[in-house]
Protein backbone atom coordinates (compact mmCIF):
# COMPACT_ATOMS: atom_id res chain seq x y z
CA MET A 1 40.46 -7.81 5.09
CA LYS A 2 37.46 -7.71 7.36
CA GLY A 3 35.89 -4.40 8.28
CA ALA A 4 38.01 -2.39 5.84
CA ASP A 5 37.26 1.32 5.55
CA HIS A 6 37.23 1.14 1.75
CA GLU A 7 36.59 -1.49 -0.91
CA PHE A 8 38.01 -1.23 -4.42
CA CYS A 9 36.64 -2.98 -7.50
CA VAL A 10 37.93 -3.79 -10.96
CA HIS A 11 35.44 -4.06 -13.85
CA GLU A 12 36.45 -5.39 -17.24
CA SER A 13 34.40 -4.64 -20.37
CA TYR A 14 34.59 -7.10 -23.26
CA GLU A 15 33.37 -6.76 -26.83
CA SER A 16 31.52 -9.68 -28.39
CA ASN A 17 33.80 -12.77 -28.68
CA ALA A 18 36.82 -10.71 -27.62
CA LYS A 19 39.55 -12.38 -25.54
CA GLN A 20 40.96 -9.12 -24.21
CA PRO A 21 38.97 -6.43 -22.40
CA SER A 22 38.31 -3.26 -24.37
CA MET A 23 38.21 -1.22 -21.17
CA ILE A 24 39.19 -1.73 -17.54
CA TYR A 25 37.62 0.33 -14.76
CA PHE A 26 39.09 0.69 -11.28
CA GLY A 27 37.30 2.52 -8.50
CA ARG A 28 36.11 2.63 -4.91
CA LEU A 29 32.86 0.86 -4.03
CA VAL A 30 30.27 3.50 -3.19
CA GLY A 31 27.23 1.29 -2.73
CA ARG A 32 25.64 -1.97 -3.72
CA SER A 33 22.41 -2.48 -5.58
CA GLY A 34 19.18 -3.41 -3.84
CA ARG A 35 18.66 -6.53 -5.91
CA ASN A 36 18.98 -8.75 -2.84
CA ALA A 37 15.81 -7.14 -1.47
CA VAL A 38 13.80 -8.66 -4.33
CA ASN A 39 14.75 -12.14 -3.14
CA LYS A 40 14.28 -11.27 0.53
CA TYR A 41 10.70 -10.06 0.08
CA ASP A 42 9.73 -12.60 -2.60
CA LEU A 43 5.98 -13.27 -2.45
CA LYS A 44 6.62 -16.99 -2.73
CA LYS A 45 8.40 -16.87 0.62
CA ARG A 46 5.99 -14.46 2.33
CA SER A 47 3.73 -15.95 5.00
CA TYR A 48 0.57 -14.06 4.06
CA ILE A 49 -0.53 -12.97 0.56
CA ASN A 50 -3.64 -12.97 -1.63
CA THR A 51 -4.40 -12.80 -5.35
CA THR A 52 -3.96 -9.02 -5.48
CA SER A 53 -0.63 -8.75 -3.60
CA MET A 54 1.67 -6.41 -5.52
CA ASP A 55 4.79 -7.92 -7.09
CA THR A 56 7.82 -7.47 -4.84
CA LYS A 57 10.01 -5.73 -7.39
CA LEU A 58 7.25 -3.30 -8.39
CA ALA A 59 6.45 -2.56 -4.74
CA LEU A 60 10.10 -1.73 -4.01
CA ILE A 61 10.35 0.46 -7.11
CA THR A 62 7.16 2.31 -6.11
CA ALA A 63 8.46 2.89 -2.58
CA ASN A 64 11.72 4.17 -4.04
CA ILE A 65 9.86 6.60 -6.32
CA ALA A 66 7.82 7.71 -3.29
CA LEU A 67 11.15 8.62 -1.61
CA ALA A 68 10.41 6.38 1.39
CA SER A 69 13.16 6.84 3.97
CA PRO A 70 13.71 7.08 7.74
CA GLY A 71 11.57 9.74 9.39
CA LYS A 72 8.84 9.67 6.74
CA LEU A 73 5.22 8.56 7.08
CA CYS A 74 3.67 6.48 4.27
CA TYR A 75 0.04 5.43 3.83
CA ASP A 76 -1.72 2.89 1.59
CA PRO A 77 -5.53 3.33 1.41
CA PHE A 78 -5.92 -0.04 -0.37
CA VAL A 79 -3.44 -1.89 1.80
CA GLY A 80 -4.51 -5.51 1.18
CA THR A 81 -1.67 -7.66 2.50
CA ALA A 82 0.63 -4.61 2.82
CA SER A 83 3.08 -5.04 -0.06
CA PHE A 84 3.62 -1.27 -0.34
CA PRO A 85 4.00 -0.62 3.42
CA ILE A 86 6.52 -3.48 3.66
CA ALA A 87 8.54 -1.93 0.83
CA CYS A 88 8.40 1.48 2.53
CA ALA A 89 9.48 -0.06 5.84
CA HIS A 90 12.43 -1.68 4.05
CA PHE A 91 13.69 1.82 3.22
CA GLY A 92 13.22 2.92 6.85
CA ALA A 93 9.86 4.71 6.68
CA MET A 94 6.94 4.32 9.08
CA ALA A 95 3.88 2.90 7.34
CA PHE A 96 0.20 2.23 7.91
CA GLY A 97 -2.78 1.38 5.76
CA SER A 98 -6.49 0.79 5.45
CA ASP A 99 -8.82 -1.33 3.34
CA LEU A 100 -12.55 -1.54 2.80
CA ASP A 101 -12.34 -5.32 3.18
CA GLY A 102 -11.30 -5.98 6.76
CA ARG A 103 -10.74 -9.67 6.07
CA THR A 104 -7.47 -8.96 4.26
CA ILE A 105 -6.10 -7.01 7.22
CA ARG A 106 -7.24 -9.48 9.86
CA GLY A 107 -6.10 -12.47 7.82
CA THR A 108 -6.37 -15.92 9.32
CA LYS A 109 -5.16 -17.44 12.54
CA GLY A 110 -1.41 -16.97 12.72
CA ARG A 111 -1.15 -15.26 9.33
CA ASN A 112 -2.02 -11.61 8.73
CA VAL A 113 -0.48 -8.25 7.84
CA LEU A 114 1.27 -8.02 11.20
CA THR A 115 2.96 -11.41 10.80
CA ASN A 116 4.35 -10.25 7.44
CA PHE A 117 6.19 -7.40 9.16
CA GLU A 118 7.36 -9.70 11.94
CA GLN A 119 8.70 -12.12 9.31
CA TYR A 120 11.08 -9.44 8.02
CA GLY A 121 11.93 -7.86 11.36
CA LEU A 122 10.03 -4.68 10.48
CA ARG A 123 7.42 -4.77 13.25
CA SER A 124 8.52 -1.43 14.70
CA ARG A 125 7.84 0.35 11.38
CA TRP A 126 4.23 -0.83 10.99
CA LEU A 127 1.88 1.55 12.80
CA ASP A 128 -1.38 -0.31 12.18
CA GLY A 129 -4.13 -1.15 9.71
CA PHE A 130 -7.81 -0.26 9.89
CA ILE A 131 -11.02 -0.79 7.94
CA ALA A 132 -12.07 2.29 6.01
CA ASP A 133 -13.38 3.60 2.73
CA LEU A 134 -11.20 6.27 1.09
CA THR A 135 -14.28 8.31 0.20
CA ASN A 136 -15.33 8.27 3.88
CA SER A 137 -11.90 8.34 5.51
CA PRO A 138 -11.82 8.59 9.33
CA LEU A 139 -8.37 10.21 9.19
CA ARG A 140 -8.11 13.77 10.37
CA MET A 141 -7.55 15.94 7.33
CA SER A 142 -4.14 17.50 7.89
CA ARG A 143 -1.05 17.65 5.75
CA CYS A 144 1.00 15.04 7.59
CA LEU A 145 1.70 12.28 5.04
CA ASP A 146 5.01 12.16 3.22
CA ALA A 147 3.81 9.59 0.70
CA ILE A 148 0.65 7.82 -0.43
CA LEU A 149 1.15 4.57 -2.33
CA CYS A 150 -1.72 2.56 -3.73
CA ASP A 151 -2.89 0.06 -6.28
CA PRO A 152 -6.64 0.75 -6.54
CA PRO A 153 -8.92 -2.15 -7.51
CA TYR A 154 -9.63 -2.15 -11.24
CA GLY A 155 -12.63 -4.48 -11.18
CA VAL A 156 -10.75 -7.39 -12.81
CA ARG A 157 -9.82 -9.55 -9.82
CA GLU A 158 -11.39 -7.31 -7.20
CA ALA A 159 -14.66 -5.39 -7.54
CA LEU A 160 -14.51 -1.63 -7.03
CA LYS A 161 -16.93 -0.68 -4.25
CA VAL A 162 -17.51 2.04 -1.69
CA LEU A 163 -19.79 2.42 1.31
CA GLY A 164 -23.42 3.10 0.42
CA ARG A 165 -26.56 1.58 -1.04
CA LYS A 166 -27.82 1.44 -4.61
CA ASP A 167 -31.24 2.80 -3.59
CA GLY A 168 -29.67 5.88 -2.03
CA GLY A 169 -30.62 4.85 1.50
CA GLY A 170 -28.45 3.52 4.24
CA LYS A 171 -28.35 6.60 6.47
CA GLU A 172 -30.56 5.06 9.13
CA VAL A 173 -28.68 3.78 12.18
CA ILE A 174 -28.92 0.06 13.03
CA TYR A 175 -29.05 -0.69 16.75
CA ILE A 176 -28.12 -3.91 18.53
CA ASP A 177 -29.25 -4.06 22.16
CA GLY A 178 -29.61 -0.30 22.18
CA VAL A 179 -26.10 0.35 20.85
CA ALA A 180 -25.37 1.65 17.34
CA ALA A 181 -23.96 -1.37 15.48
CA HIS A 182 -21.64 0.62 13.27
CA THR A 183 -19.66 1.88 16.28
CA TYR A 184 -18.24 -1.59 16.99
CA GLY A 185 -18.77 -0.73 20.65
CA PHE A 186 -18.57 -2.95 23.70
CA LEU A 187 -21.27 -4.10 26.06
CA THR A 188 -20.30 -3.83 29.71
CA ILE A 189 -22.01 -6.44 31.85
CA PHE A 190 -21.72 -6.32 35.63
CA GLY A 191 -22.16 -9.62 37.47
CA GLY A 192 -21.37 -9.40 41.15
CA SER A 193 -17.82 -8.11 41.47
CA ASP A 194 -16.79 -9.35 38.03
CA LEU A 195 -16.61 -7.10 34.96
CA THR A 196 -17.24 -8.73 31.61
CA ILE A 197 -16.75 -7.00 28.28
CA ALA A 198 -18.62 -8.62 25.39
CA ARG A 199 -18.06 -7.45 21.83
CA LEU A 200 -21.08 -6.66 19.71
CA PRO A 201 -21.70 -8.80 16.62
CA ASP A 202 -19.77 -7.49 13.62
CA TYR A 203 -21.69 -4.96 11.60
CA ILE A 204 -21.12 -5.26 7.86
CA ALA A 205 -21.75 -1.93 6.18
CA PRO A 206 -23.64 -1.95 2.86
CA LYS A 207 -21.52 -1.38 -0.25
CA MET A 208 -22.28 -0.24 -3.79
CA GLN A 209 -20.47 -0.19 -7.11
CA TYR A 210 -18.16 2.73 -7.87
CA SER A 211 -16.58 4.03 -11.07
CA PHE A 212 -12.82 3.96 -11.44
CA GLU A 213 -12.77 7.50 -12.86
CA ALA A 214 -14.56 8.82 -9.76
CA LEU A 215 -12.10 6.93 -7.56
CA LEU A 216 -9.15 8.59 -9.28
CA GLU A 217 -10.61 12.02 -8.56
CA ASP A 218 -11.14 11.12 -4.90
CA ILE A 219 -7.58 9.82 -4.55
CA LEU A 220 -6.13 13.04 -5.96
CA ASP A 221 -8.36 15.21 -3.76
CA PHE A 222 -7.30 13.20 -0.71
CA ALA A 223 -3.61 13.47 -1.65
CA ALA A 224 -3.88 17.24 -2.13
CA SER A 225 -5.30 17.56 1.39
CA ALA A 226 -3.06 15.05 3.18
CA LEU A 227 0.42 15.32 1.62
CA VAL A 228 3.12 17.59 2.99
CA ASP A 229 4.99 19.95 0.67
CA SER A 230 6.99 17.85 -1.82
CA GLY A 231 5.08 14.75 -0.69
CA ARG A 232 4.35 12.14 -3.34
CA LEU A 233 1.35 10.17 -4.51
CA CYS A 234 2.43 6.98 -6.30
CA MET A 235 -0.50 5.21 -7.87
CA TRP A 236 -0.86 2.29 -10.25
CA MET A 237 -3.64 2.47 -12.82
CA PRO A 238 -4.60 0.83 -16.13
CA THR A 239 -4.18 2.82 -19.33
CA ALA A 240 -7.39 1.36 -20.81
CA ASN A 241 -10.65 -0.05 -19.50
CA ASP A 242 -12.51 -3.23 -20.41
CA GLN A 243 -13.90 -1.53 -23.53
CA ASP A 244 -10.37 -0.64 -24.73
CA SER A 245 -11.10 3.04 -24.12
CA GLU A 246 -7.93 4.91 -23.24
CA LEU A 247 -7.88 6.35 -19.73
CA PRO A 248 -6.17 9.75 -19.46
CA ILE A 249 -3.59 10.38 -16.76
CA PRO A 250 -5.50 12.10 -13.92
CA GLN A 251 -4.41 15.59 -12.95
CA HIS A 252 -5.11 17.94 -10.06
CA PRO A 253 -4.47 21.70 -9.78
CA ALA A 254 -2.63 21.22 -6.46
CA LEU A 255 -0.44 18.36 -7.69
CA GLN A 256 2.33 18.16 -10.26
CA ILE A 257 3.09 15.08 -12.37
CA VAL A 258 6.69 14.07 -11.64
CA CYS A 259 6.98 10.92 -13.73
CA ILE A 260 4.90 8.32 -15.55
CA CYS A 261 6.14 4.73 -15.68
CA VAL A 262 4.53 2.30 -18.12
CA GLN A 263 4.63 -1.47 -17.75
CA ASN A 264 3.57 -3.66 -20.66
CA PHE A 265 1.15 -6.40 -19.68
CA ASN A 266 0.44 -8.82 -22.53
CA LYS A 267 -1.10 -6.63 -25.25
CA CYS A 268 -2.21 -3.95 -22.81
CA THR A 269 -0.40 -1.68 -20.34
């Protein structure tokens, strides 16, 4: 039957090498698993990825733990190629993200974060991406986020950096043609009756090294200020550093640990 109101299933359980089932289950189908989503969002089939793109299955699991669903707003401060926002959008949530490296968001001609959402028909659930440093976030501090999902750089394949200079300087403003370069402003040139808008040359802000422990503290402080009541911060982190020193699970007085999931990776986790 097509379009039936109910579907019924029969499951047979067999013992090892048994010819007859030891138990037969009969019941109404309540729901199917989401395993097909793993194949749908497979990184091998995705138009735009990089070396740090989160595994599809892990991204979907993280979005599920974050309780991503219709009507919720999810944010990834280390968005990269948007594996987490895509997973959140799959569950119906609205998503957006930022990254210190704007090249990953902009991508290349014809392939970028936006084309990933268009590939899966999720364009309407992607708000936008912007270049920003979590420690200097341009977001208005208000408790409006339902979930924060992130995979911070560990310094293995991607160096951990923030805005700033090693010598402590960098507060002086750089001007290009009388306009502050860091504003990414526009020059308006009037020529007769024509109006021409010319973009200033890209300003690359100086960056400096940053400790992972300090980053964890900043992420938790940000989550405590930005999450709504019962909102969730889902964050991946190593359990040990390069010197095999164990890293404790970070805690914050305004946040409660709900669950800790451990994935074995070779001899480390």
